[in-house]
Amino acid sequence: MPYALALLAALASLVGCAPLASTVAGRLPATGLGEPAPPLALTDVRTGEPLDLAAFEGRAVLLNAWATWCAPCRAEMPALDSLQRERPDRLAVVFVSDEPPELLRAWLADQPTAGVYAHASLEEFVGPYAAVRGARPVSFVIDASGVLRERIVGAETAGVFRQRLDALP
């Protein structure tokens, strides 16, 4: 019986992440792509300080919507971490979650990851970035001049992200 409950819990966590990523991606409006990235009210999870995407001007930004409960999100993190370590002067990986900052800080205490971890309310994030409520991970590629170039629904590999970043103007 405990095995069946564990299996059911694992399957339920996958359902909440990026269900049928290609189907979900097809329903997302392309509004905003090719335009300046919308402002986003973020709070740095580690410091509690306000964080503005403009602080990363001159570097590409990979904005990643994730959650501690999302298995594909956690599986994708090493790829994003390696990209941040490879390109510290050219890239800012910003992980954004709507979970309580205290929970995020506790989770981060055990994670040796690079990148910036930020909190934003779901309402703040869903509107400007046309993210799908509950679909995670979702990543947004913003070029060094602040233009929103791409939306990626679902977990990807370091190679795919690297290819997308290398294609930026």
N, C-alpha and C. Protein backbone atom coordinates (compact mmCIF):
# COMPACT_ATOMS: atom_id res chain seq x y z
N MET A 1 0.81 -1.20 0.00
CA MET A 1 0.00 0.00 0.00
C MET A 1 0.85 1.28 0.00
N PRO A 2 1.93 1.37 0.85
CA PRO A 2 2.75 2.58 0.81
C PRO A 2 3.37 2.80 -0.57
N TYR A 3 3.73 1.71 -1.26
CA TYR A 3 4.30 1.83 -2.61
C TYR A 3 3.29 2.47 -3.55
N ALA A 4 2.03 2.04 -3.47
CA ALA A 4 0.99 2.58 -4.34
C ALA A 4 0.77 4.06 -4.07
N LEU A 5 0.80 4.46 -2.80
CA LEU A 5 0.63 5.87 -2.46
C LEU A 5 1.81 6.70 -2.96
N ALA A 6 3.02 6.17 -2.83
CA ALA A 6 4.20 6.89 -3.32
C ALA A 6 4.14 7.05 -4.83
N LEU A 7 3.72 6.01 -5.53
CA LEU A 7 3.60 6.07 -6.99
C LEU A 7 2.54 7.10 -7.39
N LEU A 8 1.42 7.09 -6.70
CA LEU A 8 0.35 8.04 -6.99
C LEU A 8 0.82 9.48 -6.74
N ALA A 9 1.55 9.70 -5.66
CA ALA A 9 2.07 11.04 -5.36
C ALA A 9 3.05 11.50 -6.43
N ALA A 10 3.91 10.59 -6.89
CA ALA A 10 4.88 10.93 -7.93
C ALA A 10 4.17 11.30 -9.23
N LEU A 11 3.17 10.54 -9.59
CA LEU A 11 2.41 10.84 -10.82
C LEU A 11 1.67 12.16 -10.70
N ALA A 12 1.12 12.43 -9.53
CA ALA A 12 0.40 13.69 -9.33
C ALA A 12 1.33 14.88 -9.47
N SER A 13 2.58 14.75 -8.99
CA SER A 13 3.52 15.87 -9.11
C SER A 13 3.86 16.14 -10.57
N LEU A 14 3.91 15.11 -11.38
CA LEU A 14 4.20 15.30 -12.80
C LEU A 14 3.06 15.98 -13.53
N VAL A 15 1.84 15.71 -13.13
CA VAL A 15 0.68 16.31 -13.77
C VAL A 15 0.69 17.81 -13.59
N GLY A 16 1.15 18.30 -12.44
CA GLY A 16 1.16 19.73 -12.17
C GLY A 16 2.26 20.48 -12.87
N CYS A 17 3.22 19.79 -13.41
CA CYS A 17 4.34 20.49 -14.06
C CYS A 17 3.92 20.91 -15.44
N ALA A 18 4.55 20.49 -16.48
CA ALA A 18 4.22 20.97 -17.82
C ALA A 18 3.51 19.87 -18.59
N PRO A 19 2.20 19.74 -18.41
CA PRO A 19 1.47 18.67 -19.08
C PRO A 19 1.45 18.88 -20.58
N LEU A 20 1.86 17.85 -21.29
CA LEU A 20 1.85 17.91 -22.75
C LEU A 20 2.42 19.23 -23.23
N ALA A 21 3.69 19.43 -22.96
CA ALA A 21 4.33 20.73 -23.21
C ALA A 21 4.06 21.27 -24.60
N SER A 22 4.07 20.42 -25.61
CA SER A 22 3.85 20.94 -26.96
C SER A 22 2.43 21.45 -27.13
N THR A 23 1.46 20.79 -26.51
CA THR A 23 0.08 21.25 -26.60
C THR A 23 -0.08 22.57 -25.87
N VAL A 24 0.49 22.65 -24.67
CA VAL A 24 0.40 23.87 -23.89
C VAL A 24 1.08 25.01 -24.63
N ALA A 25 2.27 24.75 -25.18
CA ALA A 25 3.01 25.80 -25.89
C ALA A 25 2.22 26.31 -27.07
N GLY A 26 1.48 25.45 -27.74
CA GLY A 26 0.69 25.86 -28.88
C GLY A 26 -0.45 26.79 -28.51
N ARG A 27 -0.90 26.73 -27.25
CA ARG A 27 -2.00 27.58 -26.82
C ARG A 27 -1.54 28.92 -26.28
N LEU A 28 -0.22 29.08 -26.07
CA LEU A 28 0.28 30.34 -25.53
C LEU A 28 0.31 31.40 -26.61
N PRO A 29 -0.17 32.60 -26.30
CA PRO A 29 -0.08 33.67 -27.29
C PRO A 29 1.37 34.09 -27.47
N ALA A 30 1.73 34.52 -28.66
CA ALA A 30 3.09 34.96 -28.94
C ALA A 30 3.28 36.43 -28.59
N THR A 31 2.25 37.06 -28.04
CA THR A 31 2.32 38.47 -27.69
C THR A 31 3.54 38.73 -26.83
N GLY A 32 4.27 39.76 -27.18
CA GLY A 32 5.43 40.14 -26.39
C GLY A 32 6.74 39.64 -26.95
N LEU A 33 6.71 38.56 -27.72
CA LEU A 33 7.96 38.07 -28.31
C LEU A 33 8.45 39.10 -29.32
N GLY A 34 9.74 39.43 -29.24
CA GLY A 34 10.31 40.45 -30.11
C GLY A 34 10.13 41.86 -29.58
N GLU A 35 9.52 41.99 -28.41
CA GLU A 35 9.30 43.29 -27.77
C GLU A 35 10.09 43.36 -26.47
N PRO A 36 10.27 44.56 -25.91
CA PRO A 36 10.97 44.64 -24.62
C PRO A 36 10.30 43.75 -23.58
N ALA A 37 11.11 43.06 -22.79
CA ALA A 37 10.58 42.18 -21.75
C ALA A 37 9.75 43.01 -20.77
N PRO A 38 8.55 42.54 -20.44
CA PRO A 38 7.72 43.29 -19.49
C PRO A 38 8.40 43.40 -18.13
N PRO A 39 8.16 44.49 -17.42
CA PRO A 39 8.72 44.60 -16.07
C PRO A 39 8.10 43.53 -15.18
N LEU A 40 8.83 43.13 -14.19
CA LEU A 40 8.37 42.07 -13.30
C LEU A 40 8.85 42.41 -11.89
N ALA A 41 7.91 42.48 -10.94
CA ALA A 41 8.26 42.77 -9.55
C ALA A 41 8.76 41.49 -8.89
N LEU A 42 10.06 41.43 -8.66
CA LEU A 42 10.68 40.26 -8.07
C LEU A 42 11.29 40.61 -6.72
N THR A 43 11.45 39.60 -5.89
CA THR A 43 12.17 39.74 -4.63
C THR A 43 13.24 38.66 -4.60
N ASP A 44 14.49 39.06 -4.34
CA ASP A 44 15.58 38.09 -4.22
C ASP A 44 15.30 37.22 -3.00
N VAL A 45 15.21 35.91 -3.21
CA VAL A 45 14.86 35.00 -2.12
C VAL A 45 15.94 34.98 -1.05
N ARG A 46 17.19 35.06 -1.44
CA ARG A 46 18.28 34.96 -0.46
C ARG A 46 18.42 36.23 0.39
N THR A 47 18.21 37.40 -0.22
CA THR A 47 18.44 38.66 0.50
C THR A 47 17.16 39.37 0.95
N GLY A 48 16.04 39.06 0.30
CA GLY A 48 14.79 39.76 0.59
C GLY A 48 14.69 41.11 -0.08
N GLU A 49 15.70 41.48 -0.86
CA GLU A 49 15.72 42.77 -1.54
C GLU A 49 14.92 42.73 -2.84
N PRO A 50 14.34 43.87 -3.25
CA PRO A 50 13.66 43.93 -4.55
C PRO A 50 14.68 43.66 -5.66
N LEU A 51 14.20 43.06 -6.72
CA LEU A 51 15.07 42.70 -7.84
C LEU A 51 14.39 43.14 -9.12
N ASP A 52 15.13 43.81 -9.97
CA ASP A 52 14.60 44.31 -11.24
C ASP A 52 15.38 43.67 -12.37
N LEU A 53 14.69 43.22 -13.40
CA LEU A 53 15.36 42.62 -14.55
C LEU A 53 16.34 43.60 -15.20
N ALA A 54 16.11 44.89 -15.05
CA ALA A 54 17.02 45.89 -15.62
C ALA A 54 18.42 45.78 -15.02
N ALA A 55 18.54 45.17 -13.85
CA ALA A 55 19.85 45.00 -13.21
C ALA A 55 20.76 44.09 -14.04
N PHE A 56 20.18 43.33 -14.95
CA PHE A 56 20.95 42.39 -15.77
C PHE A 56 21.21 42.93 -17.16
N GLU A 57 20.97 44.22 -17.37
CA GLU A 57 21.17 44.82 -18.69
C GLU A 57 22.59 44.53 -19.18
N GLY A 58 22.69 44.19 -20.46
CA GLY A 58 23.98 43.86 -21.05
C GLY A 58 24.28 42.38 -21.03
N ARG A 59 23.43 41.61 -20.33
CA ARG A 59 23.56 40.14 -20.31
C ARG A 59 22.24 39.55 -20.77
N ALA A 60 22.31 38.39 -21.40
CA ALA A 60 21.08 37.65 -21.69
C ALA A 60 20.51 37.17 -20.35
N VAL A 61 19.20 37.04 -20.30
CA VAL A 61 18.53 36.54 -19.09
C VAL A 61 17.72 35.31 -19.48
N LEU A 62 17.89 34.26 -18.71
CA LEU A 62 17.05 33.08 -18.86
C LEU A 62 16.18 33.05 -17.61
N LEU A 63 14.92 33.43 -17.77
CA LEU A 63 13.96 33.52 -16.68
C LEU A 63 13.23 32.19 -16.62
N ASN A 64 13.34 31.48 -15.50
CA ASN A 64 12.80 30.13 -15.40
C ASN A 64 11.75 30.05 -14.30
N ALA A 65 10.50 29.80 -14.66
CA ALA A 65 9.42 29.61 -13.68
C ALA A 65 9.45 28.16 -13.22
N TRP A 66 9.57 27.96 -11.92
CA TRP A 66 9.74 26.62 -11.36
C TRP A 66 9.02 26.51 -10.02
N ALA A 67 9.04 25.31 -9.45
CA ALA A 67 8.47 25.08 -8.12
C ALA A 67 9.22 23.94 -7.46
N THR A 68 9.30 23.97 -6.14
CA THR A 68 10.01 22.92 -5.41
C THR A 68 9.34 21.56 -5.58
N TRP A 69 8.03 21.55 -5.82
CA TRP A 69 7.28 20.30 -5.95
C TRP A 69 7.32 19.72 -7.36
N CYS A 70 7.90 20.44 -8.30
CA CYS A 70 7.88 20.04 -9.71
C CYS A 70 9.14 19.24 -10.06
N ALA A 71 8.98 17.94 -10.25
CA ALA A 71 10.13 17.06 -10.56
C ALA A 71 10.86 17.48 -11.84
N PRO A 72 10.18 17.79 -12.95
CA PRO A 72 10.91 18.24 -14.14
C PRO A 72 11.68 19.54 -13.91
N CYS A 73 11.14 20.42 -13.08
CA CYS A 73 11.84 21.67 -12.75
C CYS A 73 13.16 21.36 -12.07
N ARG A 74 13.10 20.49 -11.06
CA ARG A 74 14.31 20.14 -10.32
C ARG A 74 15.30 19.39 -11.21
N ALA A 75 14.80 18.57 -12.12
CA ALA A 75 15.68 17.82 -13.03
C ALA A 75 16.40 18.75 -14.01
N GLU A 76 15.77 19.85 -14.37
CA GLU A 76 16.33 20.80 -15.32
C GLU A 76 17.37 21.73 -14.68
N MET A 77 17.32 21.89 -13.38
CA MET A 77 18.19 22.86 -12.70
C MET A 77 19.69 22.65 -12.92
N PRO A 78 20.21 21.42 -12.90
CA PRO A 78 21.65 21.27 -13.16
C PRO A 78 22.07 21.80 -14.53
N ALA A 79 21.22 21.67 -15.54
CA ALA A 79 21.54 22.20 -16.87
C ALA A 79 21.62 23.72 -16.83
N LEU A 80 20.67 24.35 -16.15
CA LEU A 80 20.68 25.81 -16.05
C LEU A 80 21.84 26.30 -15.19
N ASP A 81 22.13 25.55 -14.14
CA ASP A 81 23.26 25.86 -13.28
C ASP A 81 24.57 25.82 -14.08
N SER A 82 24.74 24.81 -14.92
CA SER A 82 25.98 24.70 -15.70
C SER A 82 26.09 25.86 -16.70
N LEU A 83 24.98 26.27 -17.28
CA LEU A 83 25.00 27.42 -18.19
C LEU A 83 25.42 28.70 -17.46
N GLN A 84 24.89 28.90 -16.26
CA GLN A 84 25.24 30.09 -15.49
C GLN A 84 26.73 30.09 -15.17
N ARG A 85 27.27 28.93 -14.80
CA ARG A 85 28.69 28.83 -14.46
C ARG A 85 29.58 29.02 -15.70
N GLU A 86 29.11 28.58 -16.87
CA GLU A 86 29.86 28.72 -18.12
C GLU A 86 29.92 30.17 -18.59
N ARG A 87 28.86 30.94 -18.33
CA ARG A 87 28.70 32.27 -18.92
C ARG A 87 28.40 33.35 -17.88
N PRO A 88 29.17 33.45 -16.82
CA PRO A 88 28.81 34.38 -15.75
C PRO A 88 28.74 35.85 -16.18
N ASP A 89 29.52 36.23 -17.18
CA ASP A 89 29.53 37.63 -17.62
C ASP A 89 28.54 37.91 -18.74
N ARG A 90 27.97 36.85 -19.33
CA ARG A 90 27.07 37.03 -20.48
C ARG A 90 25.64 36.59 -20.21
N LEU A 91 25.40 35.91 -19.08
CA LEU A 91 24.09 35.32 -18.82
C LEU A 91 23.71 35.47 -17.36
N ALA A 92 22.43 35.73 -17.13
CA ALA A 92 21.86 35.69 -15.78
C ALA A 92 20.71 34.70 -15.81
N VAL A 93 20.86 33.61 -15.08
CA VAL A 93 19.76 32.65 -14.94
C VAL A 93 18.99 33.08 -13.70
N VAL A 94 17.71 33.38 -13.89
CA VAL A 94 16.86 33.84 -12.79
C VAL A 94 15.73 32.84 -12.62
N PHE A 95 15.76 32.13 -11.50
CA PHE A 95 14.73 31.15 -11.17
C PHE A 95 13.63 31.88 -10.41
N VAL A 96 12.39 31.81 -10.91
CA VAL A 96 11.27 32.52 -10.29
C VAL A 96 10.22 31.52 -9.82
N SER A 97 9.81 31.66 -8.57
CA SER A 97 8.78 30.80 -8.01
C SER A 97 7.77 31.66 -7.26
N ASP A 98 6.53 31.17 -7.22
CA ASP A 98 5.49 31.87 -6.46
C ASP A 98 5.29 31.25 -5.08
N GLU A 99 6.13 30.30 -4.73
CA GLU A 99 6.02 29.66 -3.42
C GLU A 99 6.52 30.63 -2.34
N PRO A 100 6.12 30.42 -1.09
CA PRO A 100 6.54 31.32 -0.01
C PRO A 100 8.08 31.42 0.07
N PRO A 101 8.61 32.64 0.21
CA PRO A 101 10.06 32.81 0.28
C PRO A 101 10.73 31.96 1.36
N GLU A 102 10.06 31.75 2.50
CA GLU A 102 10.65 30.93 3.57
C GLU A 102 10.87 29.50 3.09
N LEU A 103 9.90 28.96 2.36
CA LEU A 103 10.02 27.61 1.82
C LEU A 103 11.17 27.55 0.81
N LEU A 104 11.27 28.56 -0.03
CA LEU A 104 12.34 28.59 -1.04
C LEU A 104 13.71 28.69 -0.38
N ARG A 105 13.84 29.52 0.66
CA ARG A 105 15.12 29.64 1.37
C ARG A 105 15.51 28.31 2.00
N ALA A 106 14.55 27.62 2.60
CA ALA A 106 14.84 26.31 3.21
C ALA A 106 15.27 25.31 2.15
N TRP A 107 14.61 25.31 1.02
CA TRP A 107 14.97 24.39 -0.07
C TRP A 107 16.36 24.72 -0.60
N LEU A 108 16.67 26.00 -0.76
CA LEU A 108 17.96 26.43 -1.30
C LEU A 108 19.13 26.12 -0.37
N ALA A 109 18.86 26.00 0.93
CA ALA A 109 19.94 25.73 1.88
C ALA A 109 20.69 24.45 1.55
N ASP A 110 20.02 23.51 0.90
CA ASP A 110 20.64 22.23 0.55
C ASP A 110 21.06 22.14 -0.91
N GLN A 111 20.98 23.24 -1.64
CA GLN A 111 21.25 23.20 -3.08
C GLN A 111 22.47 24.05 -3.43
N PRO A 112 23.52 23.44 -3.97
CA PRO A 112 24.70 24.22 -4.37
C PRO A 112 24.54 24.75 -5.80
N THR A 113 23.64 25.69 -5.98
CA THR A 113 23.36 26.15 -7.34
C THR A 113 23.78 27.59 -7.57
N ALA A 114 24.09 27.88 -8.82
CA ALA A 114 24.37 29.25 -9.25
C ALA A 114 23.05 29.87 -9.69
N GLY A 115 23.09 31.11 -10.05
CA GLY A 115 21.87 31.77 -10.51
C GLY A 115 21.21 32.54 -9.39
N VAL A 116 20.22 33.29 -9.78
CA VAL A 116 19.47 34.13 -8.85
C VAL A 116 18.13 33.46 -8.60
N TYR A 117 17.73 33.38 -7.35
CA TYR A 117 16.43 32.81 -7.02
C TYR A 117 15.54 33.94 -6.55
N ALA A 118 14.38 34.05 -7.19
CA ALA A 118 13.49 35.17 -6.92
C ALA A 118 12.07 34.69 -6.66
N HIS A 119 11.32 35.52 -5.98
CA HIS A 119 9.91 35.26 -5.72
C HIS A 119 9.08 36.30 -6.48
N ALA A 120 7.98 35.85 -7.05
CA ALA A 120 6.99 36.75 -7.65
C ALA A 120 5.63 36.11 -7.44
N SER A 121 4.61 36.93 -7.27
CA SER A 121 3.27 36.37 -7.14
C SER A 121 2.87 35.77 -8.48
N LEU A 122 2.04 34.75 -8.44
CA LEU A 122 1.59 34.10 -9.67
C LEU A 122 0.89 35.10 -10.58
N GLU A 123 0.07 35.97 -10.00
CA GLU A 123 -0.66 36.96 -10.80
C GLU A 123 0.31 37.92 -11.49
N GLU A 124 1.36 38.29 -10.79
CA GLU A 124 2.36 39.20 -11.35
C GLU A 124 3.05 38.55 -12.55
N PHE A 125 3.32 37.27 -12.42
CA PHE A 125 4.09 36.57 -13.45
C PHE A 125 3.24 36.12 -14.63
N VAL A 126 2.05 35.62 -14.36
CA VAL A 126 1.20 35.06 -15.42
C VAL A 126 0.80 36.11 -16.44
N GLY A 127 0.41 37.29 -16.00
CA GLY A 127 -0.05 38.32 -16.92
C GLY A 127 0.98 38.72 -17.96
N PRO A 128 2.08 39.36 -17.53
CA PRO A 128 3.03 39.88 -18.51
C PRO A 128 3.73 38.82 -19.33
N TYR A 129 3.92 37.65 -18.76
CA TYR A 129 4.69 36.63 -19.46
C TYR A 129 3.82 35.53 -20.07
N ALA A 130 2.52 35.67 -19.99
CA ALA A 130 1.59 34.71 -20.59
C ALA A 130 1.96 33.28 -20.25
N ALA A 131 2.40 33.08 -19.02
CA ALA A 131 2.69 31.72 -18.57
C ALA A 131 1.37 31.01 -18.30
N VAL A 132 1.40 29.71 -18.33
CA VAL A 132 0.19 28.94 -18.08
C VAL A 132 0.12 28.65 -16.59
N ARG A 133 -1.00 28.98 -16.00
CA ARG A 133 -1.17 28.74 -14.57
C ARG A 133 -0.94 27.26 -14.27
N GLY A 134 0.04 26.99 -13.42
CA GLY A 134 0.31 25.61 -13.02
C GLY A 134 1.29 24.87 -13.91
N ALA A 135 1.56 25.37 -15.11
CA ALA A 135 2.50 24.68 -16.01
C ALA A 135 3.92 25.10 -15.66
N ARG A 136 4.72 24.16 -15.29
CA ARG A 136 6.12 24.42 -14.96
C ARG A 136 6.94 23.23 -15.38
N PRO A 137 8.16 23.42 -15.76
CA PRO A 137 8.86 24.67 -15.90
C PRO A 137 8.49 25.40 -17.20
N VAL A 138 8.59 26.70 -17.14
CA VAL A 138 8.45 27.55 -18.32
C VAL A 138 9.63 28.51 -18.27
N SER A 139 10.37 28.62 -19.37
CA SER A 139 11.52 29.51 -19.42
C SER A 139 11.31 30.59 -20.47
N PHE A 140 11.87 31.76 -20.19
CA PHE A 140 11.79 32.89 -21.10
C PHE A 140 13.21 33.35 -21.39
N VAL A 141 13.54 33.51 -22.66
CA VAL A 141 14.86 33.96 -23.06
C VAL A 141 14.76 35.44 -23.42
N ILE A 142 15.55 36.24 -22.73
CA ILE A 142 15.58 37.69 -22.95
C ILE A 142 17.00 38.02 -23.41
N ASP A 143 17.11 38.73 -24.52
CA ASP A 143 18.46 39.03 -25.02
C ASP A 143 19.12 40.14 -24.21
N ALA A 144 20.39 40.42 -24.52
CA ALA A 144 21.19 41.38 -23.74
C ALA A 144 20.66 42.80 -23.83
N SER A 145 19.83 43.09 -24.83
CA SER A 145 19.24 44.43 -24.92
C SER A 145 17.86 44.49 -24.27
N GLY A 146 17.42 43.39 -23.62
CA GLY A 146 16.16 43.40 -22.88
C GLY A 146 14.94 43.01 -23.68
N VAL A 147 15.14 42.39 -24.85
CA VAL A 147 14.02 41.99 -25.70
C VAL A 147 13.66 40.52 -25.42
N LEU A 148 12.37 40.27 -25.21
CA LEU A 148 11.87 38.91 -24.98
C LEU A 148 11.91 38.15 -26.30
N ARG A 149 12.74 37.13 -26.37
CA ARG A 149 12.95 36.42 -27.63
C ARG A 149 12.23 35.08 -27.73
N GLU A 150 12.08 34.39 -26.62
CA GLU A 150 11.52 33.04 -26.73
C GLU A 150 10.89 32.59 -25.43
N ARG A 151 9.88 31.72 -25.57
CA ARG A 151 9.21 31.08 -24.44
C ARG A 151 9.36 29.58 -24.66
N ILE A 152 9.86 28.88 -23.64
CA ILE A 152 10.09 27.44 -23.73
C ILE A 152 9.28 26.76 -22.65
N VAL A 153 8.31 25.94 -23.03
CA VAL A 153 7.46 25.24 -22.07
C VAL A 153 7.98 23.82 -21.91
N GLY A 154 8.23 23.44 -20.67
CA GLY A 154 8.73 22.10 -20.38
C GLY A 154 10.22 22.11 -20.11
N ALA A 155 10.70 21.04 -19.51
CA ALA A 155 12.12 20.92 -19.18
C ALA A 155 12.93 20.68 -20.44
N GLU A 156 14.12 21.27 -20.47
CA GLU A 156 15.04 21.09 -21.60
C GLU A 156 16.43 20.75 -21.08
N THR A 157 17.30 20.38 -22.00
CA THR A 157 18.68 20.05 -21.67
C THR A 157 19.56 21.29 -21.78
N ALA A 158 20.76 21.19 -21.23
CA ALA A 158 21.72 22.29 -21.36
C ALA A 158 22.01 22.57 -22.83
N GLY A 159 22.08 21.51 -23.64
CA GLY A 159 22.36 21.67 -25.07
C GLY A 159 21.30 22.50 -25.78
N VAL A 160 20.05 22.25 -25.47
CA VAL A 160 18.95 23.01 -26.10
C VAL A 160 19.01 24.47 -25.66
N PHE A 161 19.18 24.71 -24.36
CA PHE A 161 19.27 26.10 -23.89
C PHE A 161 20.49 26.79 -24.49
N ARG A 162 21.61 26.08 -24.55
CA ARG A 162 22.84 26.66 -25.12
C ARG A 162 22.60 27.08 -26.57
N GLN A 163 21.94 26.21 -27.34
CA GLN A 163 21.64 26.50 -28.74
C GLN A 163 20.76 27.75 -28.85
N ARG A 164 19.74 27.85 -28.02
CA ARG A 164 18.84 29.00 -28.06
C ARG A 164 19.57 30.29 -27.67
N LEU A 165 20.43 30.20 -26.67
CA LEU A 165 21.19 31.38 -26.24
C LEU A 165 22.21 31.80 -27.30
N ASP A 166 22.85 30.82 -27.93
CA ASP A 166 23.84 31.13 -28.97
C ASP A 166 23.20 31.77 -30.20
N ALA A 167 21.92 31.54 -30.40
CA ALA A 167 21.22 32.10 -31.57
C ALA A 167 20.74 33.54 -31.34
N LEU A 168 20.93 34.06 -30.13
CA LEU A 168 20.47 35.42 -29.85
C LEU A 168 21.26 36.44 -30.66
N PRO A 169 20.59 37.54 -31.03
CA PRO A 169 21.31 38.60 -31.76
C PRO A 169 22.36 39.26 -30.87
